Protein backbone atom coordinates (compact mmCIF):
# COMPACT_ATOMS: atom_id res chain seq x y z
CA MET A 1 0.02 0.01 0.03
CA PRO A 2 1.23 3.50 -0.75
CA VAL A 3 2.32 5.82 2.09
CA GLY A 4 -0.71 7.79 3.32
CA SER A 5 -3.18 4.97 2.79
CA PHE A 6 -6.03 4.50 5.23
CA VAL A 7 -5.61 1.50 7.50
CA ILE A 8 -8.47 1.51 10.03
CA ARG A 9 -10.70 3.83 12.09
CA VAL A 10 -10.69 3.64 15.85
CA THR A 11 -13.95 4.54 17.61
CA SER A 12 -15.07 4.73 21.27
CA THR A 13 -18.19 5.37 23.32
CA ASP A 14 -18.77 7.64 26.35
CA ASN A 15 -21.79 7.81 28.62
CA ASP A 16 -21.36 11.52 29.05
CA ILE A 17 -23.01 13.96 26.64
CA GLY A 18 -21.94 17.00 24.64
CA GLU A 19 -18.32 18.03 24.71
CA ASN A 20 -17.62 15.71 27.62
CA ALA A 21 -18.25 12.74 25.32
CA VAL A 22 -15.90 13.88 22.58
CA ALA A 23 -12.77 11.76 22.42
CA THR A 24 -9.36 12.60 20.91
CA TYR A 25 -7.06 9.81 19.79
CA SER A 26 -3.31 9.33 19.89
CA LEU A 27 -0.61 6.68 19.64
CA PRO A 28 1.53 6.51 22.79
CA ASN A 29 4.07 4.12 21.15
CA SER A 30 5.69 5.15 17.90
CA THR A 31 5.82 1.68 16.15
CA ASN A 32 8.99 3.11 14.54
CA GLY A 33 6.93 5.76 12.88
CA MET A 34 5.05 3.33 10.68
CA PHE A 35 1.57 4.69 11.46
CA ALA A 36 -0.15 7.90 12.31
CA ILE A 37 -3.57 8.56 13.86
CA ASP A 38 -5.79 11.59 13.27
CA GLY A 39 -6.80 12.88 16.73
CA PRO A 40 -10.43 13.94 16.05
CA SER A 41 -11.43 11.16 13.67
CA GLY A 42 -9.41 8.18 14.92
CA ASN A 43 -8.32 7.36 11.35
CA ILE A 44 -5.02 5.41 11.30
CA THR A 45 -2.90 5.93 8.18
CA LEU A 46 0.35 4.59 6.87
CA LEU A 47 3.56 6.62 7.18
CA LYS A 48 6.18 4.24 5.79
CA PRO A 49 6.19 1.33 3.29
CA LEU A 50 5.26 -2.09 4.65
CA ASP A 51 7.15 -5.35 4.09
CA ALA A 52 5.37 -8.48 5.25
CA GLU A 53 8.65 -10.49 4.91
CA THR A 54 10.27 -8.27 7.60
CA VAL A 55 7.35 -7.57 9.94
CA SER A 56 4.01 -9.27 9.47
CA THR A 57 2.11 -7.90 12.47
CA TYR A 58 2.03 -4.62 14.33
CA THR A 59 0.32 -3.97 17.66
CA LEU A 60 -0.60 -0.35 18.13
CA ARG A 61 -1.35 1.09 21.57
CA VAL A 62 -4.07 3.66 21.13
CA ARG A 63 -5.19 6.27 23.72
CA ALA A 64 -8.66 7.80 23.70
CA THR A 65 -8.99 11.00 25.80
CA ASP A 66 -11.99 13.18 26.71
CA SER A 67 -11.87 16.36 28.75
CA ALA A 68 -11.17 14.44 31.94
CA HIS A 69 -10.45 10.74 31.33
CA ASP A 70 -8.42 8.55 29.03
CA VAL A 71 -8.37 4.87 28.15
CA LEU A 72 -5.89 2.62 26.30
CA GLY A 73 -6.69 -0.02 23.77
CA ASN A 74 -4.87 -2.26 21.31
CA VAL A 75 -5.20 -2.33 17.53
CA GLN A 76 -3.59 -5.24 15.72
CA VAL A 77 -2.52 -4.58 12.10
CA ASP A 78 -1.73 -7.77 10.12
CA ILE A 79 0.28 -7.21 6.89
CA ALA A 80 -1.04 -9.27 4.06
CA ASP A 81 1.69 -10.70 1.81
CA VAL A 82 1.78 -9.69 -1.87
CA ASN A 83 3.83 -11.35 -4.54
CA ASP A 84 6.75 -8.86 -4.64
CA ASN A 85 9.62 -11.38 -4.64
CA SER A 86 10.73 -13.63 -7.49
CA PRO A 87 11.78 -17.24 -6.90
CA VAL A 88 15.56 -17.71 -7.21
CA PHE A 89 17.59 -20.82 -7.90
CA GLN A 90 19.81 -22.37 -5.30
CA PRO A 91 23.05 -24.31 -5.99
CA PRO A 92 24.11 -26.70 -7.49
CA TYR A 93 23.87 -25.51 -11.06
CA SER A 94 26.03 -28.34 -12.49
CA PHE A 95 25.52 -32.12 -12.37
CA SER A 96 27.70 -35.06 -13.23
CA PHE A 97 26.02 -38.01 -14.87
CA SER A 98 27.70 -41.30 -15.82
CA GLU A 99 27.38 -42.52 -19.41
CA MET A 100 25.46 -45.74 -20.31
CA MET A 101 22.89 -45.18 -17.54
CA PRO A 102 19.40 -46.48 -18.46
CA VAL A 103 16.60 -44.20 -19.59
CA GLY A 104 14.90 -42.47 -16.67
CA SER A 105 17.89 -42.41 -14.39
CA GLN A 106 18.08 -39.63 -11.86
CA ILE A 107 20.48 -36.82 -12.62
CA GLY A 108 19.74 -34.47 -9.73
CA TYR A 109 17.27 -32.08 -8.18
CA LEU A 110 16.95 -28.32 -8.98
CA LYS A 111 16.15 -26.15 -6.01
CA ALA A 112 14.62 -22.67 -5.68
CA SER A 113 13.52 -20.39 -2.85
CA ASP A 114 11.04 -17.52 -2.67
CA ALA A 115 11.17 -14.82 0.03
CA ASP A 116 7.37 -14.38 0.03
CA ILE A 117 5.79 -15.76 3.13
CA SER A 118 2.38 -17.05 2.00
CA SER A 119 0.93 -19.46 -0.53
CA PRO A 120 0.59 -19.34 -3.53
CA ASN A 121 3.18 -16.49 -3.71
CA ASN A 122 5.95 -18.80 -2.48
CA LEU A 123 5.00 -21.90 -4.43
CA SER A 124 7.20 -22.56 -7.44
CA TYR A 125 7.35 -24.85 -10.45
CA PHE A 126 10.07 -25.56 -13.01
CA SER A 127 10.12 -25.74 -16.78
CA LEU A 128 12.64 -25.84 -19.64
CA LYS A 129 12.90 -22.70 -21.79
CA LEU A 130 13.77 -24.94 -24.74
CA SER A 131 12.60 -28.52 -24.97
CA SER A 132 15.27 -31.27 -24.71
CA SER A 133 15.42 -34.67 -26.35
CA TYR A 134 17.92 -35.83 -23.76
CA PHE A 135 16.36 -34.83 -20.42
CA ASN A 136 13.08 -34.59 -18.56
CA LEU A 137 12.31 -32.12 -15.73
CA ASN A 138 9.61 -32.65 -13.13
CA SER A 139 7.83 -29.29 -12.78
CA THR A 140 7.03 -29.63 -9.13
CA SER A 141 9.94 -31.57 -7.60
CA GLY A 142 12.69 -30.17 -9.88
CA LEU A 143 14.00 -33.74 -10.56
CA LEU A 144 16.12 -34.04 -13.79
CA THR A 145 16.10 -37.51 -15.44
CA SER A 146 17.50 -38.86 -18.66
CA ARG A 147 15.45 -39.49 -21.77
CA GLU A 148 18.16 -41.31 -23.66
CA VAL A 149 21.19 -43.44 -22.94
CA LEU A 150 24.06 -40.91 -23.06
CA THR A 151 27.55 -41.73 -24.13
CA PHE A 152 30.95 -40.12 -23.44
CA ASP A 153 33.00 -39.20 -26.49
CA PRO A 154 36.76 -39.17 -25.76
CA THR A 155 37.42 -37.29 -28.98
CA TYR A 156 35.88 -34.14 -27.41
CA ASP A 157 36.84 -32.06 -24.43
CA LEU A 158 35.07 -32.54 -21.16
CA THR A 159 33.41 -29.14 -21.38
CA GLU A 160 32.17 -29.50 -24.96
CA PRO A 161 29.18 -31.26 -26.43
CA PRO A 162 28.33 -34.06 -26.48
CA ASN A 163 30.09 -34.48 -23.10
CA ARG A 164 28.47 -31.34 -21.65
CA HIS A 165 24.81 -30.34 -22.10
CA LYS A 166 23.29 -26.95 -21.25
CA LEU A 167 19.79 -26.38 -20.15
CA ILE A 168 18.01 -23.02 -19.56
CA VAL A 169 15.52 -23.63 -16.73
CA ILE A 170 12.80 -21.24 -15.68
CA VAL A 171 11.35 -21.22 -12.13
CA GLN A 172 8.02 -19.53 -11.74
CA ASP A 173 5.75 -18.84 -8.74
CA LEU A 174 2.02 -19.16 -8.60
CA GLY A 175 1.33 -15.64 -7.31
CA THR A 176 -0.35 -12.72 -8.96
CA PRO A 177 1.32 -11.18 -10.86
CA VAL A 178 3.45 -14.20 -11.76
CA ARG A 179 7.19 -13.74 -11.09
CA SER A 180 10.00 -15.89 -12.47
CA SER A 181 13.78 -16.23 -12.97
CA GLU A 182 16.10 -18.22 -15.23
CA GLN A 183 19.22 -20.26 -14.65
CA LEU A 184 21.76 -21.98 -16.91
CA ILE A 185 22.19 -25.62 -15.82
CA PHE A 186 25.13 -27.86 -16.94
CA ILE A 187 24.97 -31.66 -17.18
CA ASN A 188 28.39 -33.35 -17.54
CA VAL A 189 28.46 -36.80 -19.04
CA MET A 190 31.23 -38.77 -17.36
CA ASP A 191 33.23 -41.62 -18.82
CA PHE A 192 32.26 -45.05 -17.55
CA ASN A 193 34.74 -47.97 -17.49
CA ASP A 194 32.83 -49.94 -20.07
CA HIS A 195 35.78 -50.87 -22.39
CA ALA A 196 38.43 -53.49 -21.63
CA PRO A 197 42.05 -52.77 -22.64
CA VAL A 198 43.08 -54.45 -25.97
CA PHE A 199 46.61 -55.64 -26.82
CA ASP A 200 48.13 -54.12 -29.92
CA GLN A 201 48.94 -57.60 -31.24
CA PRO A 202 46.99 -60.81 -30.89
CA ARG A 203 50.19 -62.70 -30.08
CA TYR A 204 53.66 -61.84 -28.83
CA ARG A 205 56.75 -64.02 -29.20
CA SER A 206 60.45 -63.53 -28.37
CA ALA A 207 63.42 -65.78 -28.37
CA VAL A 208 65.48 -65.49 -25.10
CA PRO A 209 68.95 -66.85 -24.80
CA GLU A 210 69.43 -69.10 -21.80
CA SER A 211 72.31 -66.88 -20.67
CA THR A 212 70.12 -63.79 -20.27
CA ALA A 213 70.70 -62.20 -16.98
CA ILE A 214 67.96 -61.73 -14.43
CA GLY A 215 66.24 -58.39 -14.92
CA ASN A 216 67.06 -57.97 -18.60
CA SER A 217 64.30 -56.85 -20.94
CA ILE A 218 62.79 -59.64 -22.96
CA ILE A 219 59.89 -58.11 -24.84
CA THR A 220 57.57 -55.13 -24.67
CA VAL A 221 53.78 -55.57 -24.86
CA LYS A 222 51.37 -52.75 -25.42
CA ALA A 223 47.67 -52.37 -24.86
CA ARG A 224 45.19 -49.58 -25.55
CA TYR A 225 41.73 -48.64 -24.31
């Protein structure tokens, strides 16, 4: 609400008549200068901007005074949350995923937080900005899973496709107006030990003189992955 907005009107009764029954109102406690009260009418108005995420309730001590007596009462002002905060992503933003995993394998969970304090303003769901043929994203849980069996290609660098995939993910709240944010997510396909070493030759043979000393080299065999 803008500064100067009307909050509530305080009223009172008095068994006297005439001027003796006329009350004037004041706020004995300042409440950090958040509110003001008009003495004759009892109208309470806003002096400073409100933030429900900082303080959600104010208790105002109000004094009503006639020509001879005064009385104190309490006014509770509850601050209603509005959707003034966007959801933001929380780490991690990068995931490692082993190659050759079956379709539907879990990659990791995306997380987000929202500073708003009430539902649906602080409820979020996830979506992919661009569709992916490799990955699925659960909109409510943030779970990333595989849609295909991914393979590591040793001819490419670890930070290049097809060994690294990039996803632009959107997190959006359910408040009004809707607020959202984006985050770049990396998925790194890791090499899996699915290949046995292979000798360079199918057979090795070397003639060794019987006089060869212990420790002498006889033959060198080589294998590759």
